[in-house]
PDB file of all heavy atoms in Angstrom:
ATOM      1  N   MET A   1     -12.371  -0.994 -22.608  1.00  0.00           N
ATOM      2  CA  MET A   1     -11.583   0.189 -22.290  1.00  0.00           C
ATOM      3  C   MET A   1     -12.514   1.392 -22.184  1.00  0.00           C
ATOM      4  O   MET A   1     -13.316   1.644 -23.062  1.00  0.00           O
ATOM      5  CB  MET A   1     -10.554   0.423 -23.387  1.00  0.00           C
ATOM      6  CG  MET A   1      -9.753   1.669 -23.195  1.00  0.00           C
ATOM      7  SD  MET A   1      -8.688   1.950 -24.626  1.00  0.00           S
ATOM      8  CE  MET A   1      -8.823   3.697 -24.737  1.00  0.00           C
ATOM      9  N   THR A   2     -12.421   2.117 -21.118  1.00  0.00           N
ATOM     10  CA  THR A   2     -13.212   3.321 -20.922  1.00  0.00           C
ATOM     11  C   THR A   2     -12.409   4.532 -21.381  1.00  0.00           C
ATOM     12  O   THR A   2     -11.238   4.659 -21.043  1.00  0.00           O
ATOM     13  CB  THR A   2     -13.584   3.481 -19.435  1.00  0.00           C
ATOM     14  OG1 THR A   2     -14.323   2.333 -19.032  1.00  0.00           O
ATOM     15  CG2 THR A   2     -14.403   4.719 -19.206  1.00  0.00           C
ATOM     16  N   LEU A   3     -13.056   5.402 -22.168  1.00  0.00           N
ATOM     17  CA  LEU A   3     -12.389   6.607 -22.644  1.00  0.00           C
ATOM     18  C   LEU A   3     -12.226   7.612 -21.505  1.00  0.00           C
ATOM     19  O   LEU A   3     -13.101   7.744 -20.653  1.00  0.00           O
ATOM     20  CB  LEU A   3     -13.205   7.267 -23.750  1.00  0.00           C
ATOM     21  CG  LEU A   3     -13.393   6.492 -25.049  1.00  0.00           C
ATOM     22  CD1 LEU A   3     -14.298   7.269 -25.995  1.00  0.00           C
ATOM     23  CD2 LEU A   3     -12.059   6.218 -25.716  1.00  0.00           C
ATOM     24  N   THR A   4     -11.142   8.347 -21.510  1.00  0.00           N
ATOM     25  CA  THR A   4     -10.984   9.475 -20.600  1.00  0.00           C
ATOM     26  C   THR A   4     -11.852  10.624 -21.122  1.00  0.00           C
ATOM     27  O   THR A   4     -12.315  10.585 -22.268  1.00  0.00           O
ATOM     28  CB  THR A   4      -9.521   9.940 -20.533  1.00  0.00           C
ATOM     29  OG1 THR A   4      -9.152  10.453 -21.820  1.00  0.00           O
ATOM     30  CG2 THR A   4      -8.594   8.815 -20.115  1.00  0.00           C
ATOM     31  N   ASP A   5     -12.043  11.660 -20.311  1.00  0.00           N
ATOM     32  CA  ASP A   5     -12.791  12.837 -20.781  1.00  0.00           C
ATOM     33  C   ASP A   5     -12.152  13.413 -22.037  1.00  0.00           C
ATOM     34  O   ASP A   5     -12.853  13.736 -22.998  1.00  0.00           O
ATOM     35  CB  ASP A   5     -12.846  13.923 -19.702  1.00  0.00           C
ATOM     36  CG  ASP A   5     -13.897  13.658 -18.639  1.00  0.00           C
ATOM     37  OD1 ASP A   5     -14.795  12.826 -18.869  1.00  0.00           O
ATOM     38  OD2 ASP A   5     -13.809  14.284 -17.576  1.00  0.00           O
ATOM     39  N   ALA A   6     -10.833  13.532 -22.066  1.00  0.00           N
ATOM     40  CA  ALA A   6     -10.138  14.108 -23.222  1.00  0.00           C
ATOM     41  C   ALA A   6     -10.349  13.254 -24.475  1.00  0.00           C
ATOM     42  O   ALA A   6     -10.567  13.783 -25.567  1.00  0.00           O
ATOM     43  CB  ALA A   6      -8.647  14.257 -22.929  1.00  0.00           C
ATOM     44  N   GLU A   7     -10.296  11.941 -24.327  1.00  0.00           N
ATOM     45  CA  GLU A   7     -10.527  11.056 -25.479  1.00  0.00           C
ATOM     46  C   GLU A   7     -11.969  11.157 -25.965  1.00  0.00           C
ATOM     47  O   GLU A   7     -12.228  11.200 -27.171  1.00  0.00           O
ATOM     48  CB  GLU A   7     -10.202   9.609 -25.101  1.00  0.00           C
ATOM     49  CG  GLU A   7      -8.734   9.360 -24.864  1.00  0.00           C
ATOM     50  CD  GLU A   7      -8.458   8.024 -24.207  1.00  0.00           C
ATOM     51  OE1 GLU A   7      -9.314   7.510 -23.446  1.00  0.00           O
ATOM     52  OE2 GLU A   7      -7.367   7.487 -24.459  1.00  0.00           O
ATOM     53  N   PHE A   8     -12.923  11.202 -25.024  1.00  0.00           N
ATOM     54  CA  PHE A   8     -14.337  11.334 -25.381  1.00  0.00           C
ATOM     55  C   PHE A   8     -14.569  12.633 -26.151  1.00  0.00           C
ATOM     56  O   PHE A   8     -15.240  12.651 -27.175  1.00  0.00           O
ATOM     57  CB  PHE A   8     -15.193  11.292 -24.113  1.00  0.00           C
ATOM     58  CG  PHE A   8     -16.665  11.369 -24.356  1.00  0.00           C
ATOM     59  CD1 PHE A   8     -17.335  10.331 -24.985  1.00  0.00           C
ATOM     60  CD2 PHE A   8     -17.393  12.472 -23.946  1.00  0.00           C
ATOM     61  CE1 PHE A   8     -18.705  10.393 -25.204  1.00  0.00           C
ATOM     62  CE2 PHE A   8     -18.755  12.544 -24.149  1.00  0.00           C
ATOM     63  CZ  PHE A   8     -19.413  11.502 -24.783  1.00  0.00           C
ATOM     64  N   ILE A   9     -13.973  13.725 -25.672  1.00  0.00           N
ATOM     65  CA  ILE A   9     -14.106  15.025 -26.340  1.00  0.00           C
ATOM     66  C   ILE A   9     -13.454  14.985 -27.708  1.00  0.00           C
ATOM     67  O   ILE A   9     -13.994  15.529 -28.680  1.00  0.00           O
ATOM     68  CB  ILE A   9     -13.522  16.144 -25.458  1.00  0.00           C
ATOM     69  CG1 ILE A   9     -14.410  16.325 -24.220  1.00  0.00           C
ATOM     70  CG2 ILE A   9     -13.391  17.447 -26.238  1.00  0.00           C
ATOM     71  CD1 ILE A   9     -13.790  17.165 -23.131  1.00  0.00           C
ATOM     72  N   SER A  10     -12.314  14.315 -27.846  1.00  0.00           N
ATOM     73  CA  SER A  10     -11.650  14.240 -29.156  1.00  0.00           C
ATOM     74  C   SER A  10     -12.490  13.458 -30.163  1.00  0.00           C
ATOM     75  O   SER A  10     -12.367  13.662 -31.364  1.00  0.00           O
ATOM     76  CB  SER A  10     -10.250  13.628 -29.034  1.00  0.00           C
ATOM     77  OG  SER A  10     -10.316  12.233 -28.825  1.00  0.00           O
ATOM     78  N   HIS A  11     -13.378  12.584 -29.684  1.00  0.00           N
ATOM     79  CA  HIS A  11     -14.317  11.862 -30.555  1.00  0.00           C
ATOM     80  C   HIS A  11     -15.589  12.685 -30.767  1.00  0.00           C
ATOM     81  O   HIS A  11     -16.542  12.187 -31.350  1.00  0.00           O
ATOM     82  CB  HIS A  11     -14.694  10.519 -29.944  1.00  0.00           C
ATOM     83  CG  HIS A  11     -13.580   9.527 -29.919  1.00  0.00           C
ATOM     84  ND1 HIS A  11     -13.790   8.223 -29.559  1.00  0.00           N
ATOM     85  CD2 HIS A  11     -12.254   9.609 -30.192  1.00  0.00           C
ATOM     86  CE1 HIS A  11     -12.646   7.552 -29.615  1.00  0.00           C
ATOM     87  NE2 HIS A  11     -11.701   8.386 -29.986  1.00  0.00           N
ATOM     88  N   VAL A  12     -15.598  13.907 -30.276  1.00  0.00           N
ATOM     89  CA  VAL A  12     -16.718  14.851 -30.370  1.00  0.00           C
ATOM     90  C   VAL A  12     -17.991  14.274 -29.737  1.00  0.00           C
ATOM     91  O   VAL A  12     -19.099  14.608 -30.124  1.00  0.00           O
ATOM     92  CB  VAL A  12     -16.974  15.291 -31.834  1.00  0.00           C
ATOM     93  CG1 VAL A  12     -17.831  16.540 -31.893  1.00  0.00           C
ATOM     94  CG2 VAL A  12     -15.685  15.525 -32.590  1.00  0.00           C
ATOM     95  N   GLY A  13     -17.824  13.371 -28.783  1.00  0.00           N
ATOM     96  CA  GLY A  13     -18.972  12.789 -28.101  1.00  0.00           C
ATOM     97  C   GLY A  13     -19.821  11.887 -28.968  1.00  0.00           C
ATOM     98  O   GLY A  13     -20.955  11.577 -28.612  1.00  0.00           O
ATOM     99  N   LEU A  14     -19.291  11.448 -30.099  1.00  0.00           N
ATOM    100  CA  LEU A  14     -20.080  10.638 -31.025  1.00  0.00           C
ATOM    101  C   LEU A  14     -19.943   9.142 -30.807  1.00  0.00           C
ATOM    102  O   LEU A  14     -20.629   8.362 -31.464  1.00  0.00           O
ATOM    103  CB  LEU A  14     -19.695  10.977 -32.476  1.00  0.00           C
ATOM    104  CG  LEU A  14     -19.994  12.415 -32.905  1.00  0.00           C
ATOM    105  CD1 LEU A  14     -19.485  12.648 -34.322  1.00  0.00           C
ATOM    106  CD2 LEU A  14     -21.476  12.709 -32.810  1.00  0.00           C
ATOM    107  N   SER A  15     -19.061   8.739 -29.881  1.00  0.00           N
ATOM    108  CA  SER A  15     -18.930   7.313 -29.597  1.00  0.00           C
ATOM    109  C   SER A  15     -19.118   7.081 -28.099  1.00  0.00           C
ATOM    110  O   SER A  15     -18.916   7.966 -27.281  1.00  0.00           O
ATOM    111  CB  SER A  15     -17.569   6.782 -30.059  1.00  0.00           C
ATOM    112  OG  SER A  15     -16.529   7.373 -29.327  1.00  0.00           O
ATOM    113  N   CYS A  16     -19.484   5.873 -27.764  1.00  0.00           N
ATOM    114  CA  CYS A  16     -19.720   5.494 -26.371  1.00  0.00           C
ATOM    115  C   CYS A  16     -18.404   5.568 -25.589  1.00  0.00           C
ATOM    116  O   CYS A  16     -17.389   5.022 -26.034  1.00  0.00           O
ATOM    117  CB  CYS A  16     -20.277   4.076 -26.335  1.00  0.00           C
ATOM    118  SG  CYS A  16     -20.441   3.388 -24.671  1.00  0.00           S
ATOM    119  N   PRO A  17     -18.407   6.202 -24.416  1.00  0.00           N
ATOM    120  CA  PRO A  17     -17.178   6.265 -23.624  1.00  0.00           C
ATOM    121  C   PRO A  17     -16.798   4.908 -23.019  1.00  0.00           C
ATOM    122  O   PRO A  17     -15.667   4.732 -22.577  1.00  0.00           O
ATOM    123  CB  PRO A  17     -17.502   7.283 -22.529  1.00  0.00           C
ATOM    124  CG  PRO A  17     -18.976   7.318 -22.448  1.00  0.00           C
ATOM    125  CD  PRO A  17     -19.492   6.973 -23.810  1.00  0.00           C
ATOM    126  N   ALA A  18     -17.701   3.926 -23.036  1.00  0.00           N
ATOM    127  CA  ALA A  18     -17.399   2.601 -22.484  1.00  0.00           C
ATOM    128  C   ALA A  18     -16.877   1.635 -23.547  1.00  0.00           C
ATOM    129  O   ALA A  18     -15.879   0.957 -23.322  1.00  0.00           O
ATOM    130  CB  ALA A  18     -18.638   2.011 -21.820  1.00  0.00           C
ATOM    131  N   CYS A  19     -17.554   1.581 -24.719  1.00  0.00           N
ATOM    132  CA  CYS A  19     -17.174   0.584 -25.722  1.00  0.00           C
ATOM    133  C   CYS A  19     -16.725   1.186 -27.054  1.00  0.00           C
ATOM    134  O   CYS A  19     -16.314   0.453 -27.944  1.00  0.00           O
ATOM    135  CB  CYS A  19     -18.326  -0.393 -25.969  1.00  0.00           C
ATOM    136  SG  CYS A  19     -19.726   0.311 -26.890  1.00  0.00           S
ATOM    137  N   GLU A  20     -16.823   2.497 -27.192  1.00  0.00           N
ATOM    138  CA  GLU A  20     -16.406   3.254 -28.378  1.00  0.00           C
ATOM    139  C   GLU A  20     -17.249   2.988 -29.631  1.00  0.00           C
ATOM    140  O   GLU A  20     -16.868   3.366 -30.724  1.00  0.00           O
ATOM    141  CB  GLU A  20     -14.920   3.041 -28.682  1.00  0.00           C
ATOM    142  CG  GLU A  20     -14.023   3.539 -27.573  1.00  0.00           C
ATOM    143  CD  GLU A  20     -12.547   3.486 -27.925  1.00  0.00           C
ATOM    144  OE1 GLU A  20     -12.189   3.989 -29.001  1.00  0.00           O
ATOM    145  OE2 GLU A  20     -11.772   2.941 -27.119  1.00  0.00           O
ATOM    146  N   LYS A  21     -18.397   2.348 -29.487  1.00  0.00           N
ATOM    147  CA  LYS A  21     -19.302   2.150 -30.636  1.00  0.00           C
ATOM    148  C   LYS A  21     -20.098   3.431 -30.848  1.00  0.00           C
ATOM    149  O   LYS A  21     -20.188   4.290 -29.976  1.00  0.00           O
ATOM    150  CB  LYS A  21     -20.230   0.966 -30.375  1.00  0.00           C
ATOM    151  CG  LYS A  21     -19.480  -0.315 -30.111  1.00  0.00           C
ATOM    152  CD  LYS A  21     -19.766  -1.329 -31.142  1.00  0.00           C
ATOM    153  CE  LYS A  21     -18.784  -2.463 -30.968  1.00  0.00           C
ATOM    154  NZ  LYS A  21     -19.232  -3.750 -31.014  1.00  0.00           N
ATOM    155  N   TYR A  22     -20.693   3.536 -32.019  1.00  0.00           N
ATOM    156  CA  TYR A  22     -21.426   4.748 -32.399  1.00  0.00           C
ATOM    157  C   TYR A  22     -22.940   4.562 -32.316  1.00  0.00           C
ATOM    158  O   TYR A  22     -23.689   5.254 -32.980  1.00  0.00           O
ATOM    159  CB  TYR A  22     -21.010   5.169 -33.810  1.00  0.00           C
ATOM    160  CG  TYR A  22     -19.568   5.604 -33.884  1.00  0.00           C
ATOM    161  CD1 TYR A  22     -18.560   4.690 -34.157  1.00  0.00           C
ATOM    162  CD2 TYR A  22     -19.222   6.923 -33.645  1.00  0.00           C
ATOM    163  CE1 TYR A  22     -17.231   5.084 -34.208  1.00  0.00           C
ATOM    164  CE2 TYR A  22     -17.888   7.332 -33.688  1.00  0.00           C
ATOM    165  CZ  TYR A  22     -16.910   6.404 -33.977  1.00  0.00           C
ATOM    166  OH  TYR A  22     -15.602   6.800 -34.013  1.00  0.00           O
ATOM    167  N   GLU A  23     -23.398   3.641 -31.512  1.00  0.00           N
ATOM    168  CA  GLU A  23     -24.818   3.321 -31.403  1.00  0.00           C
ATOM    169  C   GLU A  23     -25.422   4.021 -30.188  1.00  0.00           C
ATOM    170  O   GLU A  23     -25.741   3.405 -29.178  1.00  0.00           O
ATOM    171  CB  GLU A  23     -24.987   1.804 -31.329  1.00  0.00           C
ATOM    172  CG  GLU A  23     -24.425   1.119 -32.567  1.00  0.00           C
ATOM    173  CD  GLU A  23     -24.383  -0.393 -32.440  1.00  0.00           C
ATOM    174  OE1 GLU A  23     -25.288  -0.972 -31.812  1.00  0.00           O
ATOM    175  OE2 GLU A  23     -23.423  -0.976 -32.972  1.00  0.00           O
ATOM    176  N   LEU A  24     -25.573   5.344 -30.296  1.00  0.00           N
ATOM    177  CA  LEU A  24     -26.000   6.167 -29.166  1.00  0.00           C
ATOM    178  C   LEU A  24     -27.436   6.642 -29.337  1.00  0.00           C
ATOM    179  O   LEU A  24     -27.890   6.916 -30.443  1.00  0.00           O
ATOM    180  CB  LEU A  24     -25.087   7.388 -29.036  1.00  0.00           C
ATOM    181  CG  LEU A  24     -23.581   7.119 -29.009  1.00  0.00           C
ATOM    182  CD1 LEU A  24     -22.839   8.428 -28.847  1.00  0.00           C
ATOM    183  CD2 LEU A  24     -23.228   6.135 -27.925  1.00  0.00           C
ATOM    184  N   GLU A  25     -28.124   6.775 -28.218  1.00  0.00           N
ATOM    185  CA  GLU A  25     -29.467   7.346 -28.186  1.00  0.00           C
ATOM    186  C   GLU A  25     -29.575   8.293 -27.001  1.00  0.00           C
ATOM    187  O   GLU A  25     -29.073   7.988 -25.918  1.00  0.00           O
ATOM    188  CB  GLU A  25     -30.529   6.255 -28.031  1.00  0.00           C
ATOM    189  CG  GLU A  25     -30.706   5.389 -29.240  1.00  0.00           C
ATOM    190  CD  GLU A  25     -31.861   4.397 -29.083  1.00  0.00           C
ATOM    191  OE1 GLU A  25     -32.579   4.458 -28.058  1.00  0.00           O
ATOM    192  OE2 GLU A  25     -32.025   3.577 -29.985  1.00  0.00           O
ATOM    193  N   ALA A  26     -30.245   9.423 -27.222  1.00  0.00           N
ATOM    194  CA  ALA A  26     -30.546  10.332 -26.112  1.00  0.00           C
ATOM    195  C   ALA A  26     -31.662   9.713 -25.285  1.00  0.00           C
ATOM    196  O   ALA A  26     -32.632   9.184 -25.833  1.00  0.00           O
ATOM    197  CB  ALA A  26     -30.962  11.687 -26.642  1.00  0.00           C
ATOM    198  N   THR A  27     -31.531   9.752 -23.962  1.00  0.00           N
ATOM    199  CA  THR A  27     -32.570   9.214 -23.085  1.00  0.00           C
ATOM    200  C   THR A  27     -33.431  10.311 -22.483  1.00  0.00           C
ATOM    201  O   THR A  27     -34.419  10.021 -21.817  1.00  0.00           O
ATOM    202  CB  THR A  27     -31.949   8.367 -21.955  1.00  0.00           C
ATOM    203  OG1 THR A  27     -31.068   9.195 -21.186  1.00  0.00           O
ATOM    204  CG2 THR A  27     -31.197   7.172 -22.516  1.00  0.00           C
ATOM    205  N   GLU A  28     -33.041  11.567 -22.700  1.00  0.00           N
ATOM    206  CA  GLU A  28     -33.826  12.706 -22.221  1.00  0.00           C
ATOM    207  C   GLU A  28     -33.469  13.913 -23.072  1.00  0.00           C
ATOM    208  O   GLU A  28     -32.452  13.924 -23.766  1.00  0.00           O
ATOM    209  CB  GLU A  28     -33.556  12.995 -20.745  1.00  0.00           C
ATOM    210  CG  GLU A  28     -32.110  13.334 -20.438  1.00  0.00           C
ATOM    211  CD  GLU A  28     -31.828  13.513 -18.947  1.00  0.00           C
ATOM    212  OE1 GLU A  28     -32.571  12.976 -18.116  1.00  0.00           O
ATOM    213  OE2 GLU A  28     -30.843  14.199 -18.639  1.00  0.00           O
ATOM    214  N   SER A  29     -34.303  14.926 -23.022  1.00  0.00           N
ATOM    215  CA  SER A  29     -34.003  16.149 -23.755  1.00  0.00           C
ATOM    216  C   SER A  29     -32.906  16.927 -23.024  1.00  0.00           C
ATOM    217  O   SER A  29     -32.606  16.660 -21.862  1.00  0.00           O
ATOM    218  CB  SER A  29     -35.258  17.003 -23.917  1.00  0.00           C
ATOM    219  OG  SER A  29     -35.770  17.344 -22.652  1.00  0.00           O
ATOM    220  N   VAL A  30     -32.323  17.888 -23.709  1.00  0.00           N
ATOM    221  CA  VAL A  30     -31.256  18.700 -23.116  1.00  0.00           C
ATOM    222  C   VAL A  30     -31.838  19.546 -21.989  1.00  0.00           C
ATOM    223  O   VAL A  30     -32.867  20.205 -22.151  1.00  0.00           O
ATOM    224  CB  VAL A  30     -30.596  19.599 -24.190  1.00  0.00           C
ATOM    225  CG1 VAL A  30     -29.562  20.516 -23.557  1.00  0.00           C
ATOM    226  CG2 VAL A  30     -29.955  18.749 -25.276  1.00  0.00           C
ATOM    227  N   GLN A  31     -31.175  19.511 -20.840  1.00  0.00           N
ATOM    228  CA  GLN A  31     -31.535  20.321 -19.676  1.00  0.00           C
ATOM    229  C   GLN A  31     -30.515  21.449 -19.573  1.00  0.00           C
ATOM    230  O   GLN A  31     -29.323  21.230 -19.817  1.00  0.00           O
ATOM    231  CB  GLN A  31     -31.502  19.467 -18.409  1.00  0.00           C
ATOM    232  CG  GLN A  31     -32.327  18.209 -18.486  1.00  0.00           C
ATOM    233  CD  GLN A  31     -33.805  18.489 -18.535  1.00  0.00           C
ATOM    234  OE1 GLN A  31     -34.328  19.268 -17.744  1.00  0.00           O
ATOM    235  NE2 GLN A  31     -34.483  17.860 -19.472  1.00  0.00           N
ATOM    236  N   VAL A  32     -30.960  22.650 -19.191  1.00  0.00           N
ATOM    237  CA  VAL A  32     -30.072  23.813 -19.133  1.00  0.00           C
ATOM    238  C   VAL A  32     -30.251  24.531 -17.803  1.00  0.00           C
ATOM    239  O   VAL A  32     -31.372  24.718 -17.338  1.00  0.00           O
ATOM    240  CB  VAL A  32     -30.369  24.796 -20.292  1.00  0.00           C
ATOM    241  CG1 VAL A  32     -29.457  25.999 -20.224  1.00  0.00           C
ATOM    242  CG2 VAL A  32     -30.256  24.093 -21.630  1.00  0.00           C
ATOM    243  N   ASP A  33     -29.123  24.960 -17.210  1.00  0.00           N
ATOM    244  CA  ASP A  33     -29.166  25.745 -15.982  1.00  0.00           C
ATOM    245  C   ASP A  33     -27.858  26.513 -15.841  1.00  0.00           C
ATOM    246  O   ASP A  33     -26.779  25.904 -15.843  1.00  0.00           O
ATOM    247  CB  ASP A  33     -29.372  24.823 -14.778  1.00  0.00           C
ATOM    248  CG  ASP A  33     -29.606  25.583 -13.485  1.00  0.00           C
ATOM    249  OD1 ASP A  33     -30.144  26.707 -13.534  1.00  0.00           O
ATOM    250  OD2 ASP A  33     -29.258  25.045 -12.422  1.00  0.00           O
ATOM    251  N   ASP A  34     -27.918  27.817 -15.727  1.00  0.00           N
ATOM    252  CA  ASP A  34     -26.762  28.682 -15.462  1.00  0.00           C
ATOM    253  C   ASP A  34     -25.580  28.463 -16.402  1.00  0.00           C
ATOM    254  O   ASP A  34     -24.436  28.312 -15.975  1.00  0.00           O
ATOM    255  CB  ASP A  34     -26.285  28.520 -14.016  1.00  0.00           C
ATOM    256  CG  ASP A  34     -27.296  29.034 -13.002  1.00  0.00           C
ATOM    257  OD1 ASP A  34     -28.010  30.005 -13.331  1.00  0.00           O
ATOM    258  OD2 ASP A  34     -27.366  28.472 -11.900  1.00  0.00           O
ATOM    259  N   GLY A  35     -25.836  28.425 -17.703  1.00  0.00           N
ATOM    260  CA  GLY A  35     -24.754  28.320 -18.675  1.00  0.00           C
ATOM    261  C   GLY A  35     -24.189  26.925 -18.862  1.00  0.00           C
ATOM    262  O   GLY A  35     -23.203  26.743 -19.558  1.00  0.00           O
ATOM    263  N   ILE A  36     -24.795  25.935 -18.222  1.00  0.00           N
ATOM    264  CA  ILE A  36     -24.376  24.544 -18.368  1.00  0.00           C
ATOM    265  C   ILE A  36     -25.581  23.758 -18.880  1.00  0.00           C
ATOM    266  O   ILE A  36     -26.713  23.998 -18.479  1.00  0.00           O
ATOM    267  CB  ILE A  36     -23.910  23.948 -17.021  1.00  0.00           C
ATOM    268  CG1 ILE A  36     -22.707  24.719 -16.495  1.00  0.00           C
ATOM    269  CG2 ILE A  36     -23.575  22.474 -17.161  1.00  0.00           C
ATOM    270  CD1 ILE A  36     -22.305  24.333 -15.089  1.00  0.00           C
ATOM    271  N   ALA A  37     -25.332  22.812 -19.773  1.00  0.00           N
ATOM    272  CA  ALA A  37     -26.399  21.954 -20.277  1.00  0.00           C
ATOM    273  C   ALA A  37     -25.941  20.508 -20.194  1.00  0.00           C
ATOM    274  O   ALA A  37     -24.749  20.216 -20.222  1.00  0.00           O
ATOM    275  CB  ALA A  37     -26.736  22.328 -21.715  1.00  0.00           C
ATOM    276  N   TRP A  38     -26.909  19.587 -20.075  1.00  0.00           N
ATOM    277  CA  TRP A  38     -26.593  18.174 -20.020  1.00  0.00           C
ATOM    278  C   TRP A  38     -27.728  17.383 -20.640  1.00  0.00           C
ATOM    279  O   TRP A  38     -28.857  17.853 -20.747  1.00  0.00           O
ATOM    280  CB  TRP A  38     -26.333  17.713 -18.589  1.00  0.00           C
ATOM    281  CG  TRP A  38     -27.506  17.892 -17.680  1.00  0.00           C
ATOM    282  CD1 TRP A  38     -28.468  16.971 -17.373  1.00  0.00           C
ATOM    283  CD2 TRP A  38     -27.856  19.078 -16.966  1.00  0.00           C
ATOM    284  NE1 TRP A  38     -29.397  17.498 -16.520  1.00  0.00           N
ATOM    285  CE2 TRP A  38     -29.038  18.810 -16.256  1.00  0.00           C
ATOM    286  CE3 TRP A  38     -27.301  20.343 -16.853  1.00  0.00           C
ATOM    287  CZ2 TRP A  38     -29.665  19.755 -15.443  1.00  0.00           C
ATOM    288  CZ3 TRP A  38     -27.931  21.286 -16.050  1.00  0.00           C
ATOM    289  CH2 TRP A  38     -29.084  20.976 -15.354  1.00  0.00           C
ATOM    290  N   GLN A  39     -27.400  16.174 -21.078  1.00  0.00           N
ATOM    291  CA  GLN A  39     -28.389  15.305 -21.704  1.00  0.00           C
ATOM    292  C   GLN A  39     -28.034  13.857 -21.384  1.00  0.00           C
ATOM    293  O   GLN A  39     -26.886  13.436 -21.540  1.00  0.00           O
ATOM    294  CB  GLN A  39     -28.397  15.513 -23.213  1.00  0.00           C
ATOM    295  CG  GLN A  39     -29.414  14.665 -23.943  1.00  0.00           C
ATOM    296  CD  GLN A  39     -29.470  14.997 -25.417  1.00  0.00           C
ATOM    297  OE1 GLN A  39     -28.475  15.334 -26.028  1.00  0.00           O
ATOM    298  NE2 GLN A  39     -30.656  14.919 -25.985  1.00  0.00           N
ATOM    299  N   GLY A  40     -29.021  13.097 -20.931  1.00  0.00           N
ATOM    300  CA  GLY A  40     -28.811  11.679 -20.672  1.00  0.00           C
ATOM    301  C   GLY A  40     -28.623  10.931 -21.982  1.00  0.00           C
ATOM    302  O   GLY A  40     -29.329  11.184 -22.960  1.00  0.00           O
ATOM    303  N   MET A  41     -27.671  10.010 -21.993  1.00  0.00           N
ATOM    304  CA  MET A  41     -27.347   9.231 -23.189  1.00  0.00           C
ATOM    305  C   MET A  41     -27.262   7.752 -22.834  1.00  0.00           C
ATOM    306  O   MET A  41     -27.016   7.388 -21.685  1.00  0.00           O
ATOM    307  CB  MET A  41     -25.997   9.684 -23.772  1.00  0.00           C
ATOM    308  CG  MET A  41     -25.949  11.133 -24.194  1.00  0.00           C
ATOM    309  SD  MET A  41     -27.072  11.525 -25.542  1.00  0.00           S
ATOM    310  CE  MET A  41     -26.344  10.576 -26.871  1.00  0.00           C
ATOM    311  N   GLU A  42     -27.447   6.903 -23.859  1.00  0.00           N
ATOM    312  CA  GLU A  42     -27.317   5.461 -23.693  1.00  0.00           C
ATOM    313  C   GLU A  42     -26.689   4.862 -24.942  1.00  0.00           C
ATOM    314  O   GLU A  42     -26.960   5.302 -26.052  1.00  0.00           O
ATOM    315  CB  GLU A  42     -28.681   4.821 -23.470  1.00  0.00           C
ATOM    316  CG  GLU A  42     -28.631   3.321 -23.337  1.00  0.00           C
ATOM    317  CD  GLU A  42     -29.989   2.696 -23.083  1.00  0.00           C
ATOM    318  OE1 GLU A  42     -31.010   3.380 -23.257  1.00  0.00           O
ATOM    319  OE2 GLU A  42     -30.021   1.522 -22.722  1.00  0.00           O
ATOM    320  N   CYS A  43     -25.850   3.868 -24.750  1.00  0.00           N
ATOM    321  CA  CYS A  43     -25.272   3.108 -25.860  1.00  0.00           C
ATOM    322  C   CYS A  43     -26.119   1.856 -26.037  1.00  0.00           C
ATOM    323  O   CYS A  43     -26.256   1.063 -25.100  1.00  0.00           O
ATOM    324  CB  CYS A  43     -23.826   2.733 -25.572  1.00  0.00           C
ATOM    325  SG  CYS A  43     -23.090   1.681 -26.840  1.00  0.00           S
ATOM    326  N   THR A  44     -26.685   1.669 -27.219  1.00  0.00           N
ATOM    327  CA  THR A  44     -27.506   0.483 -27.453  1.00  0.00           C
ATOM    328  C   THR A  44     -26.655  -0.758 -27.706  1.00  0.00           C
ATOM    329  O   THR A  44     -27.177  -1.867 -27.710  1.00  0.00           O
ATOM    330  CB  THR A  44     -28.484   0.707 -28.619  1.00  0.00           C
ATOM    331  OG1 THR A  44     -27.751   1.033 -29.799  1.00  0.00           O
ATOM    332  CG2 THR A  44     -29.464   1.828 -28.305  1.00  0.00           C
ATOM    333  N   ALA A  45     -25.356  -0.589 -27.897  1.00  0.00           N
ATOM    334  CA  ALA A  45     -24.471  -1.737 -28.105  1.00  0.00           C
ATOM    335  C   ALA A  45     -24.094  -2.400 -26.777  1.00  0.00           C
ATOM    336  O   ALA A  45     -24.091  -3.620 -26.669  1.00  0.00           O
ATOM    337  CB  ALA A  45     -23.213  -1.316 -28.850  1.00  0.00           C
TER     338      ALA A  45
END
């Protein structure tokens, strides 16, 4: 089951949006541009 954006946000981004496990790793540092930031993530599960 894939989480919706609202469900992912309600989990505070601490679980994988694909499998809901908490085995997350950042794959890149936070990038910032014009008031928006993003970071690549991966679920090791």
